[in-house]
Amino acid sequence: MDTIFVHGLVIECVIGVWEWERQITQKLIIDLDMDWDIKAAVASDALEDTLSYKDVAKRVSTYVREAEANLVETLADGIATLLSEEFGVKWCRVRINKRGAVTGAGDVGVEIERGSR
């Protein structure tokens, strides 16, 4: 299977469990890897025959901003479900980086895989 990816997607959103976090927006950096058979797109050279990473990025950005989740774990699982249900992705890896959330650590977050390859 081939992989279509969106890496380094920066989204400002409400995220966190602490009361002060619910009052501000924070920056998340999201990486998406999605299995996709690109044979039809290769043959046709047409956007409608592939997974549009622009459409994925726009939809995920909207979802993340609207979710206002407490945990990045919840958000990652929701993104994976969205990719499966709305875009027909059979397998994906979702990585969410909440950079700077832990004093002394540069990068913190979660990475999940859903589906089968």
C-alpha atoms as a PDB file:
ATOM      1  CA  MET A   1       0.000   0.000   0.000  1.00  0.00           C
ATOM      2  CA  ASP A   2       1.108   3.549  -0.657  1.00  0.00           C
ATOM      3  CA  THR A   3       1.120   6.319   1.922  1.00  0.00           C
ATOM      4  CA  ILE A   4      -0.258   9.821   1.636  1.00  0.00           C
ATOM      5  CA  PHE A   5       0.888  12.074   4.434  1.00  0.00           C
ATOM      6  CA  VAL A   6       0.357  15.451   6.020  1.00  0.00           C
ATOM      7  CA  HIS A   7       3.115  16.357   8.479  1.00  0.00           C
ATOM      8  CA  GLY A   8       3.567  19.439  10.606  1.00  0.00           C
ATOM      9  CA  LEU A   9      -0.052  20.596  10.464  1.00  0.00           C
ATOM     10  CA  VAL A  10      -0.207  23.410  13.035  1.00  0.00           C
ATOM     11  CA  ILE A  11      -3.579  24.054  14.656  1.00  0.00           C
ATOM     12  CA  GLU A  12      -4.435  26.542  17.408  1.00  0.00           C
ATOM     13  CA  CYS A  13      -7.187  25.129  19.611  1.00  0.00           C
ATOM     14  CA  VAL A  14      -8.569  24.699  23.102  1.00  0.00           C
ATOM     15  CA  ILE A  15      -6.959  21.567  24.555  1.00  0.00           C
ATOM     16  CA  GLY A  16      -6.186  20.469  28.097  1.00  0.00           C
ATOM     17  CA  VAL A  17      -7.620  19.403  31.407  1.00  0.00           C
ATOM     18  CA  TRP A  18      -6.675  22.367  33.574  1.00  0.00           C
ATOM     19  CA  GLU A  19      -9.069  25.271  33.981  1.00  0.00           C
ATOM     20  CA  TRP A  20      -6.504  27.785  32.711  1.00  0.00           C
ATOM     21  CA  GLU A  21      -6.061  25.667  29.557  1.00  0.00           C
ATOM     22  CA  ARG A  22      -9.771  25.900  28.845  1.00  0.00           C
ATOM     23  CA  GLN A  23      -9.448  29.710  28.725  1.00  0.00           C
ATOM     24  CA  ILE A  24      -6.728  29.898  26.039  1.00  0.00           C
ATOM     25  CA  THR A  25      -5.752  28.333  22.744  1.00  0.00           C
ATOM     26  CA  GLN A  26      -2.632  26.232  22.404  1.00  0.00           C
ATOM     27  CA  LYS A  27      -0.671  25.050  19.402  1.00  0.00           C
ATOM     28  CA  LEU A  28      -0.786  21.412  18.371  1.00  0.00           C
ATOM     29  CA  ILE A  29       1.416  19.958  15.657  1.00  0.00           C
ATOM     30  CA  ILE A  30      -0.209  17.021  13.896  1.00  0.00           C
ATOM     31  CA  ASP A  31       1.321  14.397  11.608  1.00  0.00           C
ATOM     32  CA  LEU A  32      -0.933  12.095   9.590  1.00  0.00           C
ATOM     33  CA  ASP A  33       0.130   9.004   7.625  1.00  0.00           C
ATOM     34  CA  MET A  34      -2.628   7.313   5.641  1.00  0.00           C
ATOM     35  CA  ASP A  35      -2.490   4.173   3.539  1.00  0.00           C
ATOM     36  CA  TRP A  36      -3.936   4.821   0.107  1.00  0.00           C
ATOM     37  CA  ASP A  37      -3.705   2.953  -3.178  1.00  0.00           C
ATOM     38  CA  ILE A  38      -2.536   5.589  -5.666  1.00  0.00           C
ATOM     39  CA  LYS A  39      -2.722   3.399  -8.800  1.00  0.00           C
ATOM     40  CA  ALA A  40      -5.899   5.055 -10.124  1.00  0.00           C
ATOM     41  CA  ALA A  41      -4.416   8.526  -9.626  1.00  0.00           C
ATOM     42  CA  VAL A  42      -1.189   7.504 -11.336  1.00  0.00           C
ATOM     43  CA  ALA A  43      -3.125   6.216 -14.340  1.00  0.00           C
ATOM     44  CA  SER A  44      -5.450   9.223 -14.644  1.00  0.00           C
ATOM     45  CA  ASP A  45      -3.260  12.009 -13.230  1.00  0.00           C
ATOM     46  CA  ALA A  46      -6.514  13.375 -11.772  1.00  0.00           C
ATOM     47  CA  LEU A  47      -7.096  14.729  -8.271  1.00  0.00           C
ATOM     48  CA  GLU A  48     -10.488  13.026  -7.958  1.00  0.00           C
ATOM     49  CA  ASP A  49      -8.722   9.638  -8.125  1.00  0.00           C
ATOM     50  CA  THR A  50      -6.654  10.167  -5.010  1.00  0.00           C
ATOM     51  CA  LEU A  51      -6.916  11.235  -1.392  1.00  0.00           C
ATOM     52  CA  SER A  52      -6.676  15.027  -1.337  1.00  0.00           C
ATOM     53  CA  TYR A  53      -4.279  15.984   1.428  1.00  0.00           C
ATOM     54  CA  LYS A  54      -5.673  19.530   1.210  1.00  0.00           C
ATOM     55  CA  ASP A  55      -9.194  18.261   1.974  1.00  0.00           C
ATOM     56  CA  VAL A  56      -7.867  16.060   4.778  1.00  0.00           C
ATOM     57  CA  ALA A  57      -5.906  18.943   6.333  1.00  0.00           C
ATOM     58  CA  LYS A  58      -8.884  21.312   6.172  1.00  0.00           C
ATOM     59  CA  ARG A  59     -11.290  18.768   7.687  1.00  0.00           C
ATOM     60  CA  VAL A  60      -8.897  17.704  10.456  1.00  0.00           C
ATOM     61  CA  SER A  61      -8.191  21.360  11.302  1.00  0.00           C
ATOM     62  CA  THR A  62     -11.898  22.094  11.603  1.00  0.00           C
ATOM     63  CA  TYR A  63     -12.478  18.969  13.697  1.00  0.00           C
ATOM     64  CA  VAL A  64      -9.641  19.784  16.111  1.00  0.00           C
ATOM     65  CA  ARG A  65     -10.772  23.386  16.621  1.00  0.00           C
ATOM     66  CA  GLU A  66     -14.400  22.338  17.211  1.00  0.00           C
ATOM     67  CA  ALA A  67     -13.635  19.362  19.473  1.00  0.00           C
ATOM     68  CA  GLU A  68     -12.159  21.367  22.364  1.00  0.00           C
ATOM     69  CA  ALA A  69     -10.960  18.039  23.783  1.00  0.00           C
ATOM     70  CA  ASN A  70      -9.430  17.576  27.216  1.00  0.00           C
ATOM     71  CA  LEU A  71      -6.862  14.981  26.153  1.00  0.00           C
ATOM     72  CA  VAL A  72      -4.703  14.652  23.054  1.00  0.00           C
ATOM     73  CA  GLU A  73      -5.445  10.913  23.260  1.00  0.00           C
ATOM     74  CA  THR A  74      -9.150  11.591  22.714  1.00  0.00           C
ATOM     75  CA  LEU A  75      -8.361  13.964  19.879  1.00  0.00           C
ATOM     76  CA  ALA A  76      -6.031  11.475  18.146  1.00  0.00           C
ATOM     77  CA  ASP A  77      -8.653   8.726  18.255  1.00  0.00           C
ATOM     78  CA  GLY A  78     -11.307  11.105  16.924  1.00  0.00           C
ATOM     79  CA  ILE A  79      -9.058  12.109  14.021  1.00  0.00           C
ATOM     80  CA  ALA A  80      -8.416   8.456  13.164  1.00  0.00           C
ATOM     81  CA  THR A  81     -12.154   7.749  13.207  1.00  0.00           C
ATOM     82  CA  LEU A  82     -12.789  10.783  10.991  1.00  0.00           C
ATOM     83  CA  LEU A  83     -10.171   9.618   8.461  1.00  0.00           C
ATOM     84  CA  SER A  84     -11.772   6.189   8.316  1.00  0.00           C
ATOM     85  CA  GLU A  85     -15.414   7.237   8.189  1.00  0.00           C
ATOM     86  CA  GLU A  86     -15.216  10.381   6.052  1.00  0.00           C
ATOM     87  CA  PHE A  87     -12.307   9.601   3.734  1.00  0.00           C
ATOM     88  CA  GLY A  88     -12.300   5.797   3.616  1.00  0.00           C
ATOM     89  CA  VAL A  89      -8.767   5.452   4.976  1.00  0.00           C
ATOM     90  CA  LYS A  90      -8.143   1.800   5.955  1.00  0.00           C
ATOM     91  CA  TRP A  91      -5.037   2.447   8.106  1.00  0.00           C
ATOM     92  CA  CYS A  92      -3.603   5.611   9.595  1.00  0.00           C
ATOM     93  CA  ARG A  93      -1.025   6.857  12.037  1.00  0.00           C
ATOM     94  CA  VAL A  94      -1.922  10.034  13.928  1.00  0.00           C
ATOM     95  CA  ARG A  95       0.742  11.860  15.915  1.00  0.00           C
ATOM     96  CA  ILE A  96      -0.138  14.883  18.032  1.00  0.00           C
ATOM     97  CA  ASN A  97       2.631  16.996  19.513  1.00  0.00           C
ATOM     98  CA  LYS A  98       1.746  19.418  22.304  1.00  0.00           C
ATOM     99  CA  ARG A  99       5.158  21.052  22.214  1.00  0.00           C
ATOM    100  CA  GLY A 100       6.227  22.698  25.442  1.00  0.00           C
ATOM    101  CA  ALA A 101       3.492  21.174  27.598  1.00  0.00           C
ATOM    102  CA  VAL A 102       6.048  19.683  30.000  1.00  0.00           C
ATOM    103  CA  THR A 103       8.774  21.854  31.465  1.00  0.00           C
ATOM    104  CA  GLY A 104      12.148  20.653  30.263  1.00  0.00           C
ATOM    105  CA  ALA A 105      10.774  18.578  27.396  1.00  0.00           C
ATOM    106  CA  GLY A 106      10.716  19.864  23.845  1.00  0.00           C
ATOM    107  CA  ASP A 107       8.099  17.538  22.412  1.00  0.00           C
ATOM    108  CA  VAL A 108       5.303  15.643  24.159  1.00  0.00           C
ATOM    109  CA  GLY A 109       2.176  13.997  22.868  1.00  0.00           C
ATOM    110  CA  VAL A 110       0.699  10.814  21.559  1.00  0.00           C
ATOM    111  CA  GLU A 111       0.955   8.625  18.471  1.00  0.00           C
ATOM    112  CA  ILE A 112      -1.683   6.050  17.568  1.00  0.00           C
ATOM    113  CA  GLU A 113      -2.300   3.657  14.694  1.00  0.00           C
ATOM    114  CA  ARG A 114      -5.731   2.481  13.660  1.00  0.00           C
ATOM    115  CA  GLY A 115      -6.926  -0.003  11.052  1.00  0.00           C
ATOM    116  CA  SER A 116      -4.937  -2.589   9.162  1.00  0.00           C
ATOM    117  CA  ARG A 117      -2.442  -2.377   6.338  1.00  0.00           C
END
